[in-house]
Amino acid sequence: MPDTDGDDHGAVARDHFVLAPTDWLGGCSDRGQRHRINQDALALAAAPSFQNARTAVLAVSDGVSTSQGSEGSSLRATEAACGALLGDDSTLADGFAAAQSAVLNGGEPSEPIGTCTLIVAVIEQGLIRVGSTGDCRAYWIADDGRHVTLSVDDSMAQAQIEMGMSREQAERSFQAHAITRWIGPDTPDASPRVRECRTEGAGWLVLSSDGLWNYASEPDQMAGVIGECATDNAADTARRMVDWANRAGGHDNITVALARIN
């Protein structure tokens, strides 16, 4: 993750960056076309080989734009969650507790404490575990066409869907992206919603902020983006997906983390 201590150099470095721990694990984050700064954050960690029980950890956070200091909170949340989950015995709850503590206690005394969303995925020998709070998303895009969303939004749109509104209507409604749970001050609950997926074949694990999935909400739509952008390198694929979202409008910060599972 680039240094973002508040100076001009750090801000520019965060406008657009790519992380590439391995050829099968990578991510990209971009300011987008309309925002002054990038309040998204991204952290990735890969084990040395697939022989490890815990193969990789991916974390994406979206700073709440109306919350002062959220760009610092999203950065601390992703790095703390990813660091806490590197150990084989740690749980997603441990990762989110570490993120909440880092957001509340990790900044300078004079720095405002902002709020952010957080989604984390852990890959363990064919099992994907996803924890989330807020409205960043995870998708499993399988080569055999069995695509699925691996997370549930904590948002007004999701609440309307659960009351019977169609997804298309709900995601276009007023305050659709108002979140109902988050990381940071005054959260009603910082613990994650947890879901699991056993992978039985090859595919892509996708973690995304809403700056990307707004343009490809359904799993089949996200699969179409993967189909258009995929290369044999995860970081390059992530960069192409960010470029795709910018061409689609780039109305928000855009972040995507990818793991290619064969």
Protein backbone atom coordinates (compact mmCIF):
# COMPACT_ATOMS: atom_id res chain seq x y z
CA MET A 1 0.00 0.00 0.00
CA PRO A 2 1.45 3.43 -0.84
CA ASP A 3 2.40 5.87 1.89
CA THR A 4 -0.47 8.29 2.57
CA ASP A 5 0.57 10.37 5.53
CA GLY A 6 -1.31 13.41 4.25
CA ASP A 7 1.43 15.04 2.18
CA ASP A 8 0.95 15.80 -1.52
CA HIS A 9 3.19 12.94 -2.62
CA GLY A 10 1.19 10.41 -0.62
CA ALA A 11 -2.12 11.70 -2.00
CA VAL A 12 -0.86 11.47 -5.58
CA ALA A 13 0.54 7.96 -5.00
CA ARG A 14 -2.88 6.84 -3.80
CA ASP A 15 -4.69 8.28 -6.83
CA HIS A 16 -3.81 5.13 -8.76
CA PHE A 17 -1.80 2.12 -7.61
CA VAL A 18 -1.41 -1.59 -8.31
CA LEU A 19 -0.44 -4.37 -5.88
CA ALA A 20 1.03 -7.60 -7.26
CA PRO A 21 2.24 -10.03 -4.56
CA THR A 22 2.15 -12.95 -7.03
CA ASP A 23 0.98 -13.55 -10.59
CA TRP A 24 -2.26 -15.13 -9.29
CA LEU A 25 -3.01 -12.45 -6.64
CA GLY A 26 -3.27 -8.75 -7.40
CA GLY A 27 -5.30 -5.58 -7.08
CA CYS A 28 -5.74 -2.04 -8.33
CA SER A 29 -7.23 1.12 -6.84
CA ASP A 30 -8.01 4.39 -8.60
CA ARG A 31 -9.46 7.79 -7.73
CA GLY A 32 -11.98 7.62 -10.57
CA GLN A 33 -13.16 10.49 -12.75
CA ARG A 34 -15.12 12.66 -10.34
CA HIS A 35 -13.54 12.52 -6.87
CA ARG A 36 -10.71 14.74 -5.66
CA ILE A 37 -9.02 12.01 -3.58
CA ASN A 38 -9.08 8.23 -3.34
CA GLN A 39 -10.77 7.13 -0.12
CA ASP A 40 -10.65 3.44 -1.06
CA ALA A 41 -7.90 1.18 0.28
CA LEU A 42 -6.52 -2.24 -0.57
CA ALA A 43 -4.28 -4.81 1.14
CA LEU A 44 -3.13 -8.24 -0.04
CA ALA A 45 -0.97 -11.01 1.40
CA ALA A 46 0.04 -14.35 -0.12
CA ALA A 47 1.67 -17.37 1.49
CA PRO A 48 4.93 -18.57 -0.13
CA SER A 49 3.23 -21.60 -1.68
CA PHE A 50 -0.09 -23.37 -1.99
CA GLN A 51 1.15 -25.88 0.60
CA ASN A 52 0.22 -23.44 3.36
CA ALA A 53 -3.16 -23.89 5.05
CA ARG A 54 -3.93 -20.20 4.61
CA THR A 55 -2.99 -19.32 1.05
CA ALA A 56 -4.00 -15.66 0.75
CA VAL A 57 -5.78 -12.75 2.41
CA LEU A 58 -7.49 -9.96 0.45
CA ALA A 59 -9.00 -6.79 1.95
CA VAL A 60 -10.84 -3.86 0.35
CA SER A 61 -12.27 -0.82 2.13
CA ASP A 62 -14.30 2.16 0.94
CA GLY A 63 -14.08 5.34 3.00
CA VAL A 64 -17.45 7.00 3.55
CA SER A 65 -17.27 10.20 1.50
CA THR A 66 -19.31 12.26 3.97
CA SER A 67 -17.06 11.26 6.87
CA GLN A 68 -13.99 13.43 7.46
CA GLY A 69 -10.81 11.37 7.73
CA SER A 70 -12.27 8.28 6.07
CA GLU A 71 -9.30 7.89 3.69
CA GLY A 72 -7.06 7.27 6.71
CA SER A 73 -9.59 4.92 8.29
CA SER A 74 -9.94 2.77 5.19
CA LEU A 75 -6.16 2.44 4.94
CA ARG A 76 -5.77 1.41 8.56
CA ALA A 77 -8.72 -1.00 8.36
CA THR A 78 -7.38 -2.97 5.39
CA GLU A 79 -3.84 -3.19 6.71
CA ALA A 80 -4.92 -4.20 10.22
CA ALA A 81 -7.39 -6.84 9.00
CA CYS A 82 -4.92 -8.31 6.54
CA GLY A 83 -2.15 -8.42 9.14
CA ALA A 84 -4.35 -10.03 11.77
CA LEU A 85 -5.48 -12.77 9.38
CA LEU A 86 -2.06 -13.95 8.26
CA GLY A 87 -1.95 -16.49 11.08
CA ASP A 88 -3.65 -19.84 10.40
CA ASP A 89 -5.53 -19.76 13.74
CA SER A 90 -7.04 -16.28 13.36
CA THR A 91 -10.69 -15.79 12.44
CA LEU A 92 -12.53 -13.22 10.37
CA ALA A 93 -13.93 -11.83 13.62
CA ASP A 94 -10.32 -11.28 14.78
CA GLY A 95 -9.56 -9.42 11.57
CA PHE A 96 -12.54 -7.10 11.93
CA ALA A 97 -11.81 -6.47 15.60
CA ALA A 98 -8.26 -5.49 14.63
CA ALA A 99 -9.62 -3.19 11.92
CA GLN A 100 -12.04 -1.48 14.30
CA SER A 101 -9.29 -0.97 16.88
CA ALA A 102 -6.89 0.41 14.27
CA VAL A 103 -9.48 2.89 13.00
CA LEU A 104 -10.37 4.14 16.47
CA ASN A 105 -6.83 4.22 17.87
CA GLY A 106 -4.34 4.31 15.01
CA GLY A 107 -4.36 7.91 13.83
CA GLU A 108 -2.68 11.05 15.08
CA PRO A 109 -4.44 12.73 18.06
CA SER A 110 -5.48 15.70 15.89
CA GLU A 111 -6.65 13.52 12.98
CA PRO A 112 -10.41 13.08 12.52
CA ILE A 113 -11.60 9.49 12.78
CA GLY A 114 -13.66 8.62 9.73
CA THR A 115 -15.86 5.65 8.92
CA CYS A 116 -15.41 3.05 6.21
CA THR A 117 -16.73 -0.22 4.87
CA LEU A 118 -14.62 -3.37 4.84
CA ILE A 119 -14.64 -6.71 3.04
CA VAL A 120 -12.04 -9.43 3.64
CA ALA A 121 -11.55 -12.82 2.01
CA VAL A 122 -9.35 -15.66 3.21
CA ILE A 123 -8.41 -18.52 0.87
CA GLU A 124 -7.69 -21.84 2.57
CA GLN A 125 -7.13 -24.97 0.47
CA GLY A 126 -10.15 -24.64 -1.78
CA LEU A 127 -12.34 -22.86 0.80
CA ILE A 128 -13.08 -19.13 0.51
CA ARG A 129 -14.26 -17.36 3.66
CA VAL A 130 -15.64 -13.84 3.27
CA GLY A 131 -16.41 -11.32 5.99
CA SER A 132 -18.00 -7.94 5.28
CA THR A 133 -19.56 -4.88 6.81
CA GLY A 134 -20.91 -2.16 4.54
CA ASP A 135 -21.34 -2.49 0.79
CA CYS A 136 -18.07 -3.65 -0.73
CA ARG A 137 -18.69 -7.00 -2.42
CA ALA A 138 -17.14 -10.38 -3.15
CA TYR A 139 -17.93 -12.56 -6.16
CA TRP A 140 -16.87 -16.05 -7.21
CA ILE A 141 -16.67 -16.11 -11.01
CA ALA A 142 -16.26 -19.76 -11.97
CA ASP A 143 -14.90 -20.94 -15.29
CA ASP A 144 -17.81 -23.39 -15.53
CA GLY A 145 -20.35 -20.54 -15.45
CA ARG A 146 -21.58 -20.99 -11.88
CA HIS A 147 -21.13 -17.39 -10.72
CA VAL A 148 -22.24 -16.22 -7.28
CA THR A 149 -22.14 -13.16 -5.02
CA LEU A 150 -20.34 -14.09 -1.79
CA SER A 151 -21.42 -11.13 0.35
CA VAL A 152 -24.56 -9.33 1.50
CA ASP A 153 -24.63 -5.53 1.54
CA ASP A 154 -25.34 -3.58 4.70
CA SER A 155 -27.18 -0.80 2.85
CA MET A 156 -30.54 0.82 2.34
CA ALA A 157 -30.74 -0.82 -1.08
CA GLN A 158 -30.34 -4.28 0.47
CA ALA A 159 -33.00 -3.46 3.07
CA GLN A 160 -35.40 -2.52 0.25
CA ILE A 161 -34.58 -5.73 -1.63
CA GLU A 162 -35.38 -7.74 1.49
CA MET A 163 -38.75 -5.95 1.62
CA GLY A 164 -39.56 -7.05 -1.94
CA MET A 165 -38.20 -4.36 -4.24
CA SER A 166 -36.31 -5.56 -7.31
CA ARG A 167 -32.52 -5.24 -7.17
CA GLU A 168 -32.48 -2.91 -10.16
CA GLN A 169 -35.01 -0.54 -8.56
CA ALA A 170 -33.40 -0.70 -5.13
CA GLU A 171 -29.90 0.06 -6.39
CA ARG A 172 -31.20 3.11 -8.25
CA SER A 173 -33.34 4.39 -5.39
CA PHE A 174 -32.69 7.46 -3.22
CA GLN A 175 -29.97 6.75 -0.62
CA ALA A 176 -29.40 3.28 -2.08
CA HIS A 177 -25.78 3.39 -0.96
CA ALA A 178 -26.45 4.65 2.56
CA ILE A 179 -24.83 1.99 4.73
CA THR A 180 -26.37 0.50 7.86
CA ARG A 181 -23.17 -1.03 9.36
CA TRP A 182 -19.56 0.13 9.13
CA ILE A 183 -16.11 0.24 10.69
CA GLY A 184 -15.39 3.28 12.84
CA PRO A 185 -17.06 5.52 15.42
CA ASP A 186 -20.67 4.88 16.48
CA THR A 187 -21.05 1.69 14.44
CA PRO A 188 -23.99 -0.42 15.60
CA ASP A 189 -21.94 -3.57 15.04
CA ALA A 190 -18.38 -3.92 13.70
CA SER A 191 -18.50 -7.71 13.47
CA PRO A 192 -18.61 -9.17 9.95
CA ARG A 193 -21.31 -11.00 8.08
CA VAL A 194 -19.57 -14.27 7.16
CA ARG A 195 -20.12 -16.52 4.16
CA GLU A 196 -18.18 -19.47 2.77
CA CYS A 197 -17.71 -20.98 -0.68
CA ARG A 198 -16.07 -24.31 -1.49
CA THR A 199 -14.38 -24.03 -4.89
CA GLU A 200 -14.62 -27.21 -6.94
CA GLY A 201 -12.98 -25.85 -10.09
CA ALA A 202 -11.08 -22.93 -11.53
CA GLY A 203 -12.25 -19.33 -11.34
CA TRP A 204 -11.70 -15.79 -10.10
CA LEU A 205 -12.32 -14.45 -6.60
CA VAL A 206 -13.27 -10.77 -6.96
CA LEU A 207 -13.46 -8.20 -4.15
CA SER A 208 -14.76 -4.81 -5.25
CA SER A 209 -15.78 -1.41 -3.97
CA ASP A 210 -19.02 -0.02 -5.35
CA GLY A 211 -17.07 2.13 -7.80
CA LEU A 212 -16.76 -1.05 -9.89
CA TRP A 213 -19.75 -3.19 -9.02
CA ASN A 214 -22.16 -0.28 -9.60
CA TYR A 215 -21.58 -0.99 -13.29
CA ALA A 216 -21.78 -4.79 -12.97
CA SER A 217 -23.93 -5.66 -9.97
CA GLU A 218 -25.14 -9.14 -10.89
CA PRO A 219 -22.66 -12.06 -10.87
CA ASP A 220 -23.20 -12.71 -14.58
CA GLN A 221 -22.44 -9.05 -15.30
CA MET A 222 -19.23 -9.24 -13.25
CA ALA A 223 -18.34 -12.40 -15.15
CA GLY A 224 -18.71 -10.41 -18.36
CA VAL A 225 -16.22 -7.83 -17.08
CA ILE A 226 -13.79 -10.60 -16.14
CA GLY A 227 -14.25 -12.15 -19.58
CA GLU A 228 -13.41 -8.84 -21.23
CA CYS A 229 -10.43 -8.01 -19.00
CA ALA A 230 -8.83 -11.32 -17.95
CA THR A 231 -5.16 -12.00 -18.59
CA ASP A 232 -2.78 -14.58 -17.11
CA ASN A 233 -1.79 -12.05 -14.43
CA ALA A 234 -4.15 -11.02 -11.62
CA ALA A 235 -2.75 -7.51 -11.12
CA ASP A 236 -2.94 -6.73 -14.83
CA THR A 237 -6.51 -8.06 -14.91
CA ALA A 238 -7.40 -5.82 -11.94
CA ARG A 239 -5.90 -2.79 -13.71
CA ARG A 240 -7.93 -3.54 -16.82
CA MET A 241 -11.11 -3.84 -14.72
CA VAL A 242 -10.45 -0.44 -13.15
CA ASP A 243 -9.91 1.01 -16.63
CA TRP A 244 -13.23 -0.55 -17.67
CA ALA A 245 -15.05 1.11 -14.73
CA ASN A 246 -13.48 4.46 -15.58
CA ARG A 247 -14.69 4.14 -19.17
CA ALA A 248 -18.15 3.30 -17.82
CA GLY A 249 -18.23 6.64 -15.98
CA GLY A 250 -15.82 6.44 -13.04
CA HIS A 251 -18.27 8.26 -10.80
CA ASP A 252 -16.67 6.90 -7.60
CA ASN A 253 -13.34 5.63 -6.33
CA ILE A 254 -12.66 2.20 -7.87
CA THR A 255 -10.91 -0.72 -6.20
CA VAL A 256 -10.72 -4.40 -7.11
CA ALA A 257 -8.72 -7.27 -5.60
CA LEU A 258 -8.41 -10.57 -7.47
CA ALA A 259 -7.21 -14.10 -6.84
CA ARG A 260 -7.03 -16.61 -9.67
CA ILE A 261 -7.76 -20.10 -8.35
CA ASN A 262 -6.88 -23.01 -10.63
